[in-house]
Amino acid sequence: MPKFEDWDHDWPLEKKLAAMADLEENWDSYGGLPTTPLVINLVRKILQDKDTSKDYKIYPLNDGGVYIIWKSDNYTTLDVEIEENGEMFVSVHLPDKKLLYFNIPVSK
């Protein structure tokens, strides 16, 4: 079973998403849940037209969600956590040490 650090590789997005979709319960030996189809589809929509070839990482989360992180050339970092129900938490770390934080609730 893959561990969190095992996801730190340069697979293409679709290969990572397929691997996350195939996770079994307890994949991390801590009761980890498989990544939900809702989350897989949201990640695909968010990243479909983005250049994710550089400074980009995606990791499955224990609760069935996904964590995405981008680092830009100007030291800005964007973190997106997508929970298993589709709710998103976004934080932007700016070069001047400012932090912007957004919660994007699930639309019903």
N, C-alpha and C. Protein backbone atom coordinates (compact mmCIF):
# COMPACT_ATOMS: atom_id res chain seq x y z
N MET A 1 0.84 -1.19 0.00
CA MET A 1 0.00 0.00 0.00
C MET A 1 0.89 1.25 0.00
N PRO A 2 0.54 2.25 -0.80
CA PRO A 2 1.37 3.45 -0.84
C PRO A 2 1.24 4.27 0.44
N LYS A 3 2.32 4.91 0.81
CA LYS A 3 2.33 5.85 1.92
C LYS A 3 2.31 7.26 1.35
N PHE A 4 2.06 8.25 2.19
CA PHE A 4 1.98 9.63 1.75
C PHE A 4 3.21 10.02 0.94
N GLU A 5 4.38 9.68 1.44
CA GLU A 5 5.62 10.09 0.76
C GLU A 5 5.81 9.37 -0.57
N ASP A 6 5.13 8.25 -0.77
CA ASP A 6 5.22 7.53 -2.04
C ASP A 6 4.58 8.31 -3.19
N TRP A 7 3.77 9.28 -2.89
CA TRP A 7 3.07 10.04 -3.93
C TRP A 7 3.91 11.19 -4.45
N ASP A 8 5.08 11.39 -3.91
CA ASP A 8 5.93 12.51 -4.30
C ASP A 8 6.78 12.12 -5.52
N HIS A 9 6.12 11.90 -6.65
CA HIS A 9 6.80 11.52 -7.88
C HIS A 9 6.17 12.27 -9.04
N ASP A 10 6.73 12.12 -10.22
CA ASP A 10 6.33 12.92 -11.37
C ASP A 10 5.43 12.18 -12.35
N TRP A 11 4.49 11.41 -11.86
CA TRP A 11 3.53 10.76 -12.75
C TRP A 11 2.64 11.82 -13.40
N PRO A 12 2.13 11.54 -14.58
CA PRO A 12 1.11 12.41 -15.18
C PRO A 12 -0.15 12.42 -14.30
N LEU A 13 -0.90 13.48 -14.40
CA LEU A 13 -2.10 13.64 -13.57
C LEU A 13 -3.03 12.44 -13.66
N GLU A 14 -3.35 11.98 -14.85
CA GLU A 14 -4.31 10.88 -14.98
C GLU A 14 -3.81 9.60 -14.33
N LYS A 15 -2.51 9.37 -14.36
CA LYS A 15 -1.96 8.18 -13.69
C LYS A 15 -2.11 8.31 -12.17
N LYS A 16 -1.87 9.52 -11.64
CA LYS A 16 -2.05 9.73 -10.20
C LYS A 16 -3.51 9.55 -9.81
N LEU A 17 -4.41 10.12 -10.61
CA LEU A 17 -5.83 10.01 -10.29
C LEU A 17 -6.30 8.56 -10.36
N ALA A 18 -5.80 7.81 -11.33
CA ALA A 18 -6.17 6.39 -11.43
C ALA A 18 -5.66 5.63 -10.21
N ALA A 19 -4.44 5.93 -9.77
CA ALA A 19 -3.89 5.27 -8.58
C ALA A 19 -4.70 5.62 -7.33
N MET A 20 -5.13 6.88 -7.23
CA MET A 20 -5.94 7.28 -6.08
C MET A 20 -7.31 6.61 -6.12
N ALA A 21 -7.88 6.47 -7.31
CA ALA A 21 -9.18 5.82 -7.44
C ALA A 21 -9.10 4.34 -7.06
N ASP A 22 -7.93 3.75 -7.20
CA ASP A 22 -7.75 2.32 -6.90
C ASP A 22 -7.32 2.05 -5.45
N LEU A 23 -7.18 3.08 -4.64
CA LEU A 23 -6.79 2.86 -3.25
C LEU A 23 -7.83 2.02 -2.53
N GLU A 24 -7.37 1.15 -1.68
CA GLU A 24 -8.26 0.33 -0.86
C GLU A 24 -8.37 0.94 0.53
N GLU A 25 -9.40 0.54 1.26
CA GLU A 25 -9.52 1.02 2.65
C GLU A 25 -8.27 0.63 3.42
N ASN A 26 -7.86 1.53 4.31
CA ASN A 26 -6.66 1.36 5.14
C ASN A 26 -5.38 1.40 4.31
N TRP A 27 -5.40 2.11 3.19
CA TRP A 27 -4.25 2.18 2.28
C TRP A 27 -3.01 2.73 2.96
N ASP A 28 -3.20 3.51 4.01
CA ASP A 28 -2.05 4.11 4.70
C ASP A 28 -1.75 3.43 6.04
N SER A 29 -2.42 2.36 6.34
CA SER A 29 -2.34 1.59 7.58
C SER A 29 -2.84 2.38 8.79
N TYR A 30 -3.53 3.49 8.54
CA TYR A 30 -4.14 4.29 9.61
C TYR A 30 -5.64 4.46 9.37
N GLY A 31 -6.24 3.52 8.66
CA GLY A 31 -7.67 3.59 8.38
C GLY A 31 -8.02 4.47 7.19
N GLY A 32 -7.03 4.77 6.34
CA GLY A 32 -7.25 5.65 5.20
C GLY A 32 -8.36 5.17 4.29
N LEU A 33 -9.20 6.11 3.88
CA LEU A 33 -10.30 5.79 2.97
C LEU A 33 -9.89 6.03 1.53
N PRO A 34 -10.47 5.30 0.60
CA PRO A 34 -10.17 5.54 -0.82
C PRO A 34 -10.59 6.96 -1.22
N THR A 35 -9.90 7.51 -2.20
CA THR A 35 -10.28 8.82 -2.73
C THR A 35 -11.63 8.67 -3.43
N THR A 36 -12.56 9.56 -3.10
CA THR A 36 -13.92 9.44 -3.62
C THR A 36 -13.99 9.86 -5.09
N PRO A 37 -14.92 9.28 -5.84
CA PRO A 37 -15.10 9.68 -7.24
C PRO A 37 -15.40 11.17 -7.39
N LEU A 38 -16.16 11.74 -6.44
CA LEU A 38 -16.44 13.18 -6.47
C LEU A 38 -15.14 13.98 -6.44
N VAL A 39 -14.24 13.60 -5.55
CA VAL A 39 -12.97 14.31 -5.42
C VAL A 39 -12.12 14.13 -6.68
N ILE A 40 -12.06 12.92 -7.21
CA ILE A 40 -11.30 12.67 -8.45
C ILE A 40 -11.80 13.59 -9.55
N ASN A 41 -13.12 13.70 -9.70
CA ASN A 41 -13.69 14.56 -10.75
C ASN A 41 -13.40 16.03 -10.50
N LEU A 42 -13.46 16.46 -9.25
CA LEU A 42 -13.14 17.86 -8.94
C LEU A 42 -11.69 18.18 -9.26
N VAL A 43 -10.79 17.30 -8.89
CA VAL A 43 -9.37 17.51 -9.20
C VAL A 43 -9.17 17.60 -10.70
N ARG A 44 -9.80 16.71 -11.42
CA ARG A 44 -9.69 16.71 -12.89
C ARG A 44 -10.18 18.05 -13.45
N LYS A 45 -11.31 18.55 -12.96
CA LYS A 45 -11.84 19.83 -13.44
C LYS A 45 -10.92 21.00 -13.10
N ILE A 46 -10.37 20.98 -11.90
CA ILE A 46 -9.49 22.07 -11.47
C ILE A 46 -8.21 22.10 -12.30
N LEU A 47 -7.67 20.92 -12.59
CA LEU A 47 -6.35 20.85 -13.22
C LEU A 47 -6.38 20.59 -14.73
N GLN A 48 -7.54 20.42 -15.32
CA GLN A 48 -7.61 19.97 -16.70
C GLN A 48 -6.87 20.86 -17.70
N ASP A 49 -6.87 22.15 -17.52
CA ASP A 49 -6.21 23.04 -18.48
C ASP A 49 -4.98 23.73 -17.90
N LYS A 50 -4.49 23.22 -16.79
CA LYS A 50 -3.34 23.84 -16.13
C LYS A 50 -2.05 23.14 -16.52
N ASP A 51 -0.98 23.89 -16.54
CA ASP A 51 0.34 23.28 -16.75
C ASP A 51 0.80 22.77 -15.40
N THR A 52 0.62 21.48 -15.20
CA THR A 52 0.96 20.88 -13.91
C THR A 52 2.30 20.16 -13.98
N SER A 53 3.09 20.50 -14.97
CA SER A 53 4.35 19.77 -15.15
C SER A 53 5.45 20.24 -14.19
N LYS A 54 5.29 21.43 -13.61
CA LYS A 54 6.34 21.95 -12.74
C LYS A 54 5.77 22.39 -11.40
N ASP A 55 6.56 22.17 -10.37
CA ASP A 55 6.26 22.71 -9.04
C ASP A 55 4.84 22.41 -8.57
N TYR A 56 4.42 21.20 -8.78
CA TYR A 56 3.06 20.79 -8.47
C TYR A 56 3.10 19.40 -7.84
N LYS A 57 2.34 19.21 -6.79
CA LYS A 57 2.24 17.90 -6.12
C LYS A 57 0.77 17.65 -5.79
N ILE A 58 0.40 16.38 -5.79
CA ILE A 58 -0.95 15.99 -5.39
C ILE A 58 -0.84 14.74 -4.54
N TYR A 59 -1.58 14.74 -3.43
CA TYR A 59 -1.50 13.64 -2.48
C TYR A 59 -2.91 13.23 -2.05
N PRO A 60 -3.15 11.94 -1.88
CA PRO A 60 -4.42 11.51 -1.30
C PRO A 60 -4.42 11.82 0.20
N LEU A 61 -5.59 12.11 0.72
CA LEU A 61 -5.74 12.34 2.16
C LEU A 61 -6.44 11.14 2.79
N ASN A 62 -6.20 10.96 4.05
CA ASN A 62 -6.72 9.84 4.83
C ASN A 62 -8.24 9.75 4.82
N ASP A 63 -8.93 10.89 4.66
CA ASP A 63 -10.39 10.92 4.75
C ASP A 63 -11.08 10.72 3.41
N GLY A 64 -10.32 10.41 2.34
CA GLY A 64 -10.90 10.25 1.01
C GLY A 64 -10.77 11.49 0.15
N GLY A 65 -10.14 12.52 0.69
CA GLY A 65 -9.93 13.75 -0.05
C GLY A 65 -8.57 13.78 -0.72
N VAL A 66 -8.20 14.98 -1.19
CA VAL A 66 -6.94 15.18 -1.91
C VAL A 66 -6.34 16.51 -1.49
N TYR A 67 -5.02 16.55 -1.46
CA TYR A 67 -4.26 17.77 -1.17
C TYR A 67 -3.43 18.11 -2.41
N ILE A 68 -3.55 19.35 -2.89
CA ILE A 68 -2.79 19.82 -4.05
C ILE A 68 -1.96 21.01 -3.61
N ILE A 69 -0.72 21.06 -4.07
CA ILE A 69 0.15 22.20 -3.76
C ILE A 69 0.92 22.61 -5.01
N TRP A 70 0.94 23.93 -5.26
CA TRP A 70 1.73 24.51 -6.34
C TRP A 70 2.70 25.51 -5.74
N LYS A 71 3.90 25.56 -6.27
CA LYS A 71 4.86 26.59 -5.88
C LYS A 71 5.28 27.32 -7.15
N SER A 72 5.16 28.64 -7.13
CA SER A 72 5.52 29.42 -8.32
C SER A 72 6.95 29.92 -8.22
N ASP A 73 7.42 30.49 -9.30
CA ASP A 73 8.78 31.02 -9.34
C ASP A 73 8.98 32.21 -8.40
N ASN A 74 7.90 32.90 -8.06
CA ASN A 74 8.04 34.08 -7.19
C ASN A 74 7.77 33.74 -5.72
N TYR A 75 7.87 32.45 -5.37
CA TYR A 75 7.72 31.97 -4.00
C TYR A 75 6.29 32.05 -3.47
N THR A 76 5.33 32.19 -4.35
CA THR A 76 3.94 32.09 -3.95
C THR A 76 3.56 30.61 -3.94
N THR A 77 2.86 30.20 -2.91
CA THR A 77 2.42 28.81 -2.81
C THR A 77 0.90 28.79 -2.70
N LEU A 78 0.29 27.90 -3.45
CA LEU A 78 -1.15 27.70 -3.41
C LEU A 78 -1.41 26.29 -2.91
N ASP A 79 -2.17 26.17 -1.83
CA ASP A 79 -2.56 24.88 -1.27
C ASP A 79 -4.07 24.73 -1.42
N VAL A 80 -4.49 23.58 -1.92
CA VAL A 80 -5.92 23.28 -2.04
C VAL A 80 -6.16 21.93 -1.39
N GLU A 81 -7.04 21.92 -0.41
CA GLU A 81 -7.47 20.67 0.21
C GLU A 81 -8.92 20.44 -0.17
N ILE A 82 -9.17 19.30 -0.80
CA ILE A 82 -10.54 18.94 -1.18
C ILE A 82 -10.97 17.79 -0.29
N GLU A 83 -12.00 18.04 0.50
CA GLU A 83 -12.49 17.00 1.40
C GLU A 83 -13.35 16.00 0.63
N GLU A 84 -13.62 14.87 1.23
CA GLU A 84 -14.34 13.78 0.57
C GLU A 84 -15.72 14.19 0.08
N ASN A 85 -16.32 15.22 0.68
CA ASN A 85 -17.64 15.68 0.27
C ASN A 85 -17.58 16.80 -0.76
N GLY A 86 -16.37 17.19 -1.19
CA GLY A 86 -16.20 18.23 -2.20
C GLY A 86 -15.91 19.61 -1.65
N GLU A 87 -16.02 19.80 -0.35
CA GLU A 87 -15.70 21.10 0.24
C GLU A 87 -14.21 21.37 0.05
N MET A 88 -13.87 22.62 -0.29
CA MET A 88 -12.48 22.97 -0.54
C MET A 88 -11.99 24.05 0.41
N PHE A 89 -10.74 23.90 0.80
CA PHE A 89 -10.05 24.90 1.60
C PHE A 89 -8.82 25.32 0.80
N VAL A 90 -8.72 26.61 0.54
CA VAL A 90 -7.64 27.13 -0.30
C VAL A 90 -6.85 28.14 0.51
N SER A 91 -5.53 28.01 0.48
CA SER A 91 -4.68 29.02 1.11
C SER A 91 -3.61 29.44 0.10
N VAL A 92 -3.34 30.74 0.10
CA VAL A 92 -2.32 31.31 -0.78
C VAL A 92 -1.27 31.96 0.11
N HIS A 93 -0.05 31.48 0.01
CA HIS A 93 1.06 32.02 0.77
C HIS A 93 1.84 32.94 -0.16
N LEU A 94 1.80 34.23 0.12
CA LEU A 94 2.43 35.22 -0.75
C LEU A 94 3.89 35.45 -0.35
N PRO A 95 4.69 35.97 -1.28
CA PRO A 95 6.12 36.19 -0.99
C PRO A 95 6.36 37.12 0.21
N ASP A 96 5.44 38.05 0.45
CA ASP A 96 5.63 38.98 1.56
C ASP A 96 5.12 38.42 2.89
N LYS A 97 4.94 37.10 2.94
CA LYS A 97 4.51 36.36 4.14
C LYS A 97 3.03 36.52 4.46
N LYS A 98 2.28 37.21 3.60
CA LYS A 98 0.84 37.30 3.80
C LYS A 98 0.20 35.97 3.45
N LEU A 99 -0.89 35.68 4.12
CA LEU A 99 -1.62 34.44 3.88
C LEU A 99 -3.08 34.78 3.59
N LEU A 100 -3.56 34.30 2.47
CA LEU A 100 -4.97 34.44 2.13
C LEU A 100 -5.61 33.07 2.29
N TYR A 101 -6.80 33.01 2.85
CA TYR A 101 -7.44 31.73 3.13
C TYR A 101 -8.89 31.79 2.68
N PHE A 102 -9.34 30.78 1.97
CA PHE A 102 -10.70 30.71 1.46
C PHE A 102 -11.30 29.34 1.77
N ASN A 103 -12.58 29.36 2.09
CA ASN A 103 -13.33 28.12 2.24
C ASN A 103 -14.37 28.12 1.13
N ILE A 104 -14.40 27.08 0.32
CA ILE A 104 -15.38 26.97 -0.75
C ILE A 104 -16.32 25.83 -0.35
N PRO A 105 -17.50 26.19 0.16
CA PRO A 105 -18.42 25.15 0.65
C PRO A 105 -19.00 24.32 -0.50
N VAL A 106 -19.54 23.18 -0.13
CA VAL A 106 -20.20 22.32 -1.09
C VAL A 106 -21.50 22.97 -1.51
N SER A 107 -21.75 23.06 -2.81
CA SER A 107 -23.03 23.59 -3.26
C SER A 107 -24.06 22.47 -3.27
N LYS A 108 -25.20 22.77 -2.80
CA LYS A 108 -26.27 21.74 -2.70
C LYS A 108 -27.18 21.82 -3.91
